[in-house]
Protein backbone atom coordinates (compact mmCIF):
# COMPACT_ATOMS: atom_id res chain seq x y z
CA UNK A 1 0.00 0.00 0.00
CA UNK A 2 1.32 3.41 -0.94
CA UNK A 3 1.12 6.25 1.59
CA UNK A 4 -0.31 9.68 0.68
CA UNK A 5 3.10 11.44 0.82
CA UNK A 6 4.47 8.89 -1.64
CA UNK A 7 1.47 9.47 -3.91
CA UNK A 8 2.10 13.23 -3.74
CA UNK A 9 5.69 12.65 -4.84
CA UNK A 10 4.41 10.51 -7.73
CA UNK A 11 2.01 13.24 -8.82
CA UNK A 12 4.77 15.83 -8.63
CA UNK A 13 7.08 13.62 -10.70
CA UNK A 14 4.40 13.10 -13.37
CA UNK A 15 3.68 16.82 -13.58
CA UNK A 16 7.28 18.07 -13.66
CA UNK A 17 9.16 15.37 -15.57
CA UNK A 18 6.51 14.02 -17.92
CA UNK A 19 4.45 17.13 -18.56
CA UNK A 20 1.13 15.65 -17.37
CA UNK A 21 -1.59 17.91 -16.04
CA UNK A 22 -2.20 17.84 -12.31
CA UNK A 23 -5.71 16.47 -12.84
CA UNK A 24 -4.50 13.63 -15.07
CA UNK A 25 -1.56 12.79 -12.78
CA UNK A 26 -3.83 12.60 -9.72
CA UNK A 27 -6.23 10.38 -11.65
CA UNK A 28 -3.38 8.04 -12.67
CA UNK A 29 -2.06 7.79 -9.12
CA UNK A 30 -5.56 7.38 -7.68
CA UNK A 31 -5.58 10.38 -5.42
CA UNK A 32 -7.93 13.37 -5.06
CA UNK A 33 -6.49 16.70 -6.19
CA UNK A 34 -7.22 18.29 -2.83
CA UNK A 35 -5.03 15.64 -1.17
CA UNK A 36 -2.34 16.28 -3.76
CA UNK A 37 -2.18 19.96 -2.81
CA UNK A 38 -2.20 19.32 0.95
CA UNK A 39 0.75 20.84 2.82
CA UNK A 40 1.44 19.24 6.19
CA UNK A 41 1.92 21.65 9.08
CA UNK A 42 2.84 21.22 12.72
CA UNK A 43 0.80 22.58 15.58
CA UNK A 44 2.18 25.41 17.70
CA UNK A 45 4.00 24.11 20.77
CA UNK A 46 4.38 20.60 19.38
CA UNK A 47 8.19 20.75 19.44
CA UNK A 48 8.17 21.63 23.15
CA UNK A 49 5.70 18.82 23.85
CA UNK A 50 7.90 16.34 21.96
CA UNK A 51 10.90 17.47 24.01
CA UNK A 52 8.94 17.01 27.26
CA UNK A 53 7.82 13.53 26.24
CA UNK A 54 11.36 12.53 25.28
CA UNK A 55 12.79 13.94 28.53
CA UNK A 56 10.28 12.04 30.67
CA UNK A 57 10.78 8.85 28.67
CA UNK A 58 14.54 9.04 29.27
CA UNK A 59 14.08 9.76 32.98
CA UNK A 60 11.52 6.95 33.42
CA UNK A 61 12.59 4.19 31.04
CA UNK A 62 10.11 1.60 32.34
CA UNK A 63 7.09 3.88 31.86
CA UNK A 64 4.82 3.60 28.86
CA UNK A 65 2.69 6.16 27.11
CA UNK A 66 -0.09 6.17 29.73
CA UNK A 67 2.28 6.85 32.61
CA UNK A 68 4.04 9.60 30.65
CA UNK A 69 0.64 11.18 29.96
CA UNK A 70 -0.06 11.13 33.69
CA UNK A 71 3.31 12.76 34.46
CA UNK A 72 2.72 15.46 31.85
CA UNK A 73 -0.65 16.29 33.39
CA UNK A 74 0.99 16.54 36.83
CA UNK A 75 3.44 19.05 35.33
CA UNK A 76 0.52 21.11 34.05
CA UNK A 77 0.66 20.17 30.35
CA UNK A 78 -2.95 19.73 29.28
CA UNK A 79 -2.83 17.68 26.09
CA UNK A 80 -5.12 15.00 24.79
CA UNK A 81 -3.92 11.44 25.50
CA UNK A 82 -4.41 10.55 21.82
CA UNK A 83 -2.13 13.42 20.80
CA UNK A 84 0.52 12.30 23.28
CA UNK A 85 0.24 8.73 21.99
CA UNK A 86 0.68 9.93 18.39
CA UNK A 87 3.82 11.89 19.33
CA UNK A 88 5.06 8.95 21.40
CA UNK A 89 4.87 6.66 18.35
CA UNK A 90 6.36 9.30 16.06
CA UNK A 91 9.38 9.62 18.37
CA UNK A 92 9.85 5.84 18.28
CA UNK A 93 9.55 5.41 22.03
CA UNK A 94 7.48 2.21 22.04
CA UNK A 95 8.48 -0.19 24.80
CA UNK A 96 9.27 -3.74 23.68
CA UNK A 97 6.53 -6.24 24.35
CA UNK A 98 7.06 -8.57 27.26
CA UNK A 99 7.70 -12.17 26.36
CA UNK A 100 5.15 -14.54 27.90
CA UNK A 101 6.30 -16.69 30.79
CA UNK A 102 6.37 -20.42 30.33
CA UNK A 103 3.81 -22.05 32.60
CA UNK A 104 4.32 -25.52 33.97
CA UNK A 105 1.28 -27.75 34.14
CA UNK A 106 1.22 -31.16 35.73
CA UNK A 107 4.04 -33.07 37.34
CA UNK A 108 7.60 -32.24 36.47
CA UNK A 109 10.15 -34.83 35.46
CA UNK A 110 9.17 -38.49 35.48
CA UNK A 111 5.53 -39.46 35.09
CA UNK A 112 4.19 -40.59 38.47
CA UNK A 113 1.41 -42.93 37.29
CA UNK A 114 2.12 -45.16 34.33
CA UNK A 115 -0.52 -47.10 32.46
C-alpha atoms as a PDB file:
ATOM      1  CA  UNK A   1       0.000   0.000   0.000  1.00  0.00           C
ATOM      2  CA  UNK A   2       1.322   3.414  -0.937  1.00  0.00           C
ATOM      3  CA  UNK A   3       1.118   6.248   1.595  1.00  0.00           C
ATOM      4  CA  UNK A   4      -0.310   9.680   0.680  1.00  0.00           C
ATOM      5  CA  UNK A   5       3.103  11.439   0.821  1.00  0.00           C
ATOM      6  CA  UNK A   6       4.467   8.893  -1.642  1.00  0.00           C
ATOM      7  CA  UNK A   7       1.467   9.470  -3.910  1.00  0.00           C
ATOM      8  CA  UNK A   8       2.098  13.234  -3.741  1.00  0.00           C
ATOM      9  CA  UNK A   9       5.687  12.647  -4.845  1.00  0.00           C
ATOM     10  CA  UNK A  10       4.410  10.511  -7.729  1.00  0.00           C
ATOM     11  CA  UNK A  11       2.011  13.240  -8.825  1.00  0.00           C
ATOM     12  CA  UNK A  12       4.774  15.834  -8.631  1.00  0.00           C
ATOM     13  CA  UNK A  13       7.077  13.619 -10.704  1.00  0.00           C
ATOM     14  CA  UNK A  14       4.399  13.100 -13.372  1.00  0.00           C
ATOM     15  CA  UNK A  15       3.684  16.818 -13.580  1.00  0.00           C
ATOM     16  CA  UNK A  16       7.277  18.066 -13.658  1.00  0.00           C
ATOM     17  CA  UNK A  17       9.159  15.374 -15.565  1.00  0.00           C
ATOM     18  CA  UNK A  18       6.507  14.016 -17.917  1.00  0.00           C
ATOM     19  CA  UNK A  19       4.446  17.131 -18.558  1.00  0.00           C
ATOM     20  CA  UNK A  20       1.128  15.651 -17.365  1.00  0.00           C
ATOM     21  CA  UNK A  21      -1.585  17.905 -16.043  1.00  0.00           C
ATOM     22  CA  UNK A  22      -2.205  17.836 -12.306  1.00  0.00           C
ATOM     23  CA  UNK A  23      -5.713  16.472 -12.844  1.00  0.00           C
ATOM     24  CA  UNK A  24      -4.502  13.629 -15.066  1.00  0.00           C
ATOM     25  CA  UNK A  25      -1.557  12.789 -12.780  1.00  0.00           C
ATOM     26  CA  UNK A  26      -3.828  12.597  -9.723  1.00  0.00           C
ATOM     27  CA  UNK A  27      -6.225  10.375 -11.650  1.00  0.00           C
ATOM     28  CA  UNK A  28      -3.377   8.037 -12.667  1.00  0.00           C
ATOM     29  CA  UNK A  29      -2.059   7.785  -9.117  1.00  0.00           C
ATOM     30  CA  UNK A  30      -5.563   7.377  -7.681  1.00  0.00           C
ATOM     31  CA  UNK A  31      -5.583  10.377  -5.416  1.00  0.00           C
ATOM     32  CA  UNK A  32      -7.934  13.369  -5.058  1.00  0.00           C
ATOM     33  CA  UNK A  33      -6.494  16.703  -6.194  1.00  0.00           C
ATOM     34  CA  UNK A  34      -7.221  18.286  -2.825  1.00  0.00           C
ATOM     35  CA  UNK A  35      -5.026  15.644  -1.174  1.00  0.00           C
ATOM     36  CA  UNK A  36      -2.339  16.282  -3.758  1.00  0.00           C
ATOM     37  CA  UNK A  37      -2.185  19.959  -2.806  1.00  0.00           C
ATOM     38  CA  UNK A  38      -2.198  19.317   0.949  1.00  0.00           C
ATOM     39  CA  UNK A  39       0.749  20.842   2.819  1.00  0.00           C
ATOM     40  CA  UNK A  40       1.440  19.242   6.195  1.00  0.00           C
ATOM     41  CA  UNK A  41       1.922  21.649   9.080  1.00  0.00           C
ATOM     42  CA  UNK A  42       2.842  21.221  12.722  1.00  0.00           C
ATOM     43  CA  UNK A  43       0.803  22.583  15.584  1.00  0.00           C
ATOM     44  CA  UNK A  44       2.178  25.408  17.702  1.00  0.00           C
ATOM     45  CA  UNK A  45       3.996  24.112  20.769  1.00  0.00           C
ATOM     46  CA  UNK A  46       4.384  20.603  19.380  1.00  0.00           C
ATOM     47  CA  UNK A  47       8.194  20.745  19.437  1.00  0.00           C
ATOM     48  CA  UNK A  48       8.167  21.628  23.147  1.00  0.00           C
ATOM     49  CA  UNK A  49       5.696  18.815  23.851  1.00  0.00           C
ATOM     50  CA  UNK A  50       7.899  16.335  21.961  1.00  0.00           C
ATOM     51  CA  UNK A  51      10.901  17.474  24.006  1.00  0.00           C
ATOM     52  CA  UNK A  52       8.939  17.010  27.258  1.00  0.00           C
ATOM     53  CA  UNK A  53       7.822  13.529  26.243  1.00  0.00           C
ATOM     54  CA  UNK A  54      11.360  12.526  25.281  1.00  0.00           C
ATOM     55  CA  UNK A  55      12.791  13.945  28.534  1.00  0.00           C
ATOM     56  CA  UNK A  56      10.276  12.042  30.668  1.00  0.00           C
ATOM     57  CA  UNK A  57      10.780   8.850  28.670  1.00  0.00           C
ATOM     58  CA  UNK A  58      14.540   9.043  29.267  1.00  0.00           C
ATOM     59  CA  UNK A  59      14.085   9.756  32.984  1.00  0.00           C
ATOM     60  CA  UNK A  60      11.524   6.949  33.418  1.00  0.00           C
ATOM     61  CA  UNK A  61      12.587   4.189  31.041  1.00  0.00           C
ATOM     62  CA  UNK A  62      10.108   1.603  32.337  1.00  0.00           C
ATOM     63  CA  UNK A  63       7.093   3.878  31.856  1.00  0.00           C
ATOM     64  CA  UNK A  64       4.824   3.599  28.863  1.00  0.00           C
ATOM     65  CA  UNK A  65       2.687   6.164  27.111  1.00  0.00           C
ATOM     66  CA  UNK A  66      -0.092   6.168  29.725  1.00  0.00           C
ATOM     67  CA  UNK A  67       2.278   6.847  32.612  1.00  0.00           C
ATOM     68  CA  UNK A  68       4.041   9.595  30.652  1.00  0.00           C
ATOM     69  CA  UNK A  69       0.642  11.182  29.957  1.00  0.00           C
ATOM     70  CA  UNK A  70      -0.065  11.134  33.691  1.00  0.00           C
ATOM     71  CA  UNK A  71       3.307  12.758  34.464  1.00  0.00           C
ATOM     72  CA  UNK A  72       2.716  15.457  31.846  1.00  0.00           C
ATOM     73  CA  UNK A  73      -0.652  16.288  33.392  1.00  0.00           C
ATOM     74  CA  UNK A  74       0.990  16.543  36.830  1.00  0.00           C
ATOM     75  CA  UNK A  75       3.441  19.050  35.334  1.00  0.00           C
ATOM     76  CA  UNK A  76       0.520  21.110  34.046  1.00  0.00           C
ATOM     77  CA  UNK A  77       0.658  20.172  30.348  1.00  0.00           C
ATOM     78  CA  UNK A  78      -2.948  19.726  29.282  1.00  0.00           C
ATOM     79  CA  UNK A  79      -2.826  17.684  26.091  1.00  0.00           C
ATOM     80  CA  UNK A  80      -5.117  14.998  24.791  1.00  0.00           C
ATOM     81  CA  UNK A  81      -3.920  11.440  25.498  1.00  0.00           C
ATOM     82  CA  UNK A  82      -4.413  10.550  21.823  1.00  0.00           C
ATOM     83  CA  UNK A  83      -2.126  13.415  20.795  1.00  0.00           C
ATOM     84  CA  UNK A  84       0.521  12.304  23.277  1.00  0.00           C
ATOM     85  CA  UNK A  85       0.240   8.727  21.987  1.00  0.00           C
ATOM     86  CA  UNK A  86       0.680   9.934  18.386  1.00  0.00           C
ATOM     87  CA  UNK A  87       3.816  11.888  19.326  1.00  0.00           C
ATOM     88  CA  UNK A  88       5.056   8.947  21.402  1.00  0.00           C
ATOM     89  CA  UNK A  89       4.868   6.665  18.352  1.00  0.00           C
ATOM     90  CA  UNK A  90       6.363   9.302  16.057  1.00  0.00           C
ATOM     91  CA  UNK A  91       9.384   9.624  18.375  1.00  0.00           C
ATOM     92  CA  UNK A  92       9.852   5.843  18.281  1.00  0.00           C
ATOM     93  CA  UNK A  93       9.549   5.413  22.032  1.00  0.00           C
ATOM     94  CA  UNK A  94       7.480   2.208  22.043  1.00  0.00           C
ATOM     95  CA  UNK A  95       8.477  -0.186  24.803  1.00  0.00           C
ATOM     96  CA  UNK A  96       9.269  -3.741  23.680  1.00  0.00           C
ATOM     97  CA  UNK A  97       6.529  -6.242  24.352  1.00  0.00           C
ATOM     98  CA  UNK A  98       7.061  -8.570  27.256  1.00  0.00           C
ATOM     99  CA  UNK A  99       7.697 -12.173  26.362  1.00  0.00           C
ATOM    100  CA  UNK A 100       5.150 -14.537  27.901  1.00  0.00           C
ATOM    101  CA  UNK A 101       6.302 -16.693  30.790  1.00  0.00           C
ATOM    102  CA  UNK A 102       6.369 -20.417  30.326  1.00  0.00           C
ATOM    103  CA  UNK A 103       3.806 -22.050  32.600  1.00  0.00           C
ATOM    104  CA  UNK A 104       4.323 -25.522  33.966  1.00  0.00           C
ATOM    105  CA  UNK A 105       1.281 -27.746  34.136  1.00  0.00           C
ATOM    106  CA  UNK A 106       1.224 -31.163  35.731  1.00  0.00           C
ATOM    107  CA  UNK A 107       4.039 -33.070  37.343  1.00  0.00           C
ATOM    108  CA  UNK A 108       7.604 -32.243  36.467  1.00  0.00           C
ATOM    109  CA  UNK A 109      10.151 -34.828  35.462  1.00  0.00           C
ATOM    110  CA  UNK A 110       9.174 -38.492  35.481  1.00  0.00           C
ATOM    111  CA  UNK A 111       5.530 -39.459  35.086  1.00  0.00           C
ATOM    112  CA  UNK A 112       4.188 -40.585  38.470  1.00  0.00           C
ATOM    113  CA  UNK A 113       1.415 -42.928  37.287  1.00  0.00           C
ATOM    114  CA  UNK A 114       2.115 -45.157  34.332  1.00  0.00           C
ATOM    115  CA  UNK A 115      -0.516 -47.101  32.462  1.00  0.00           C
END
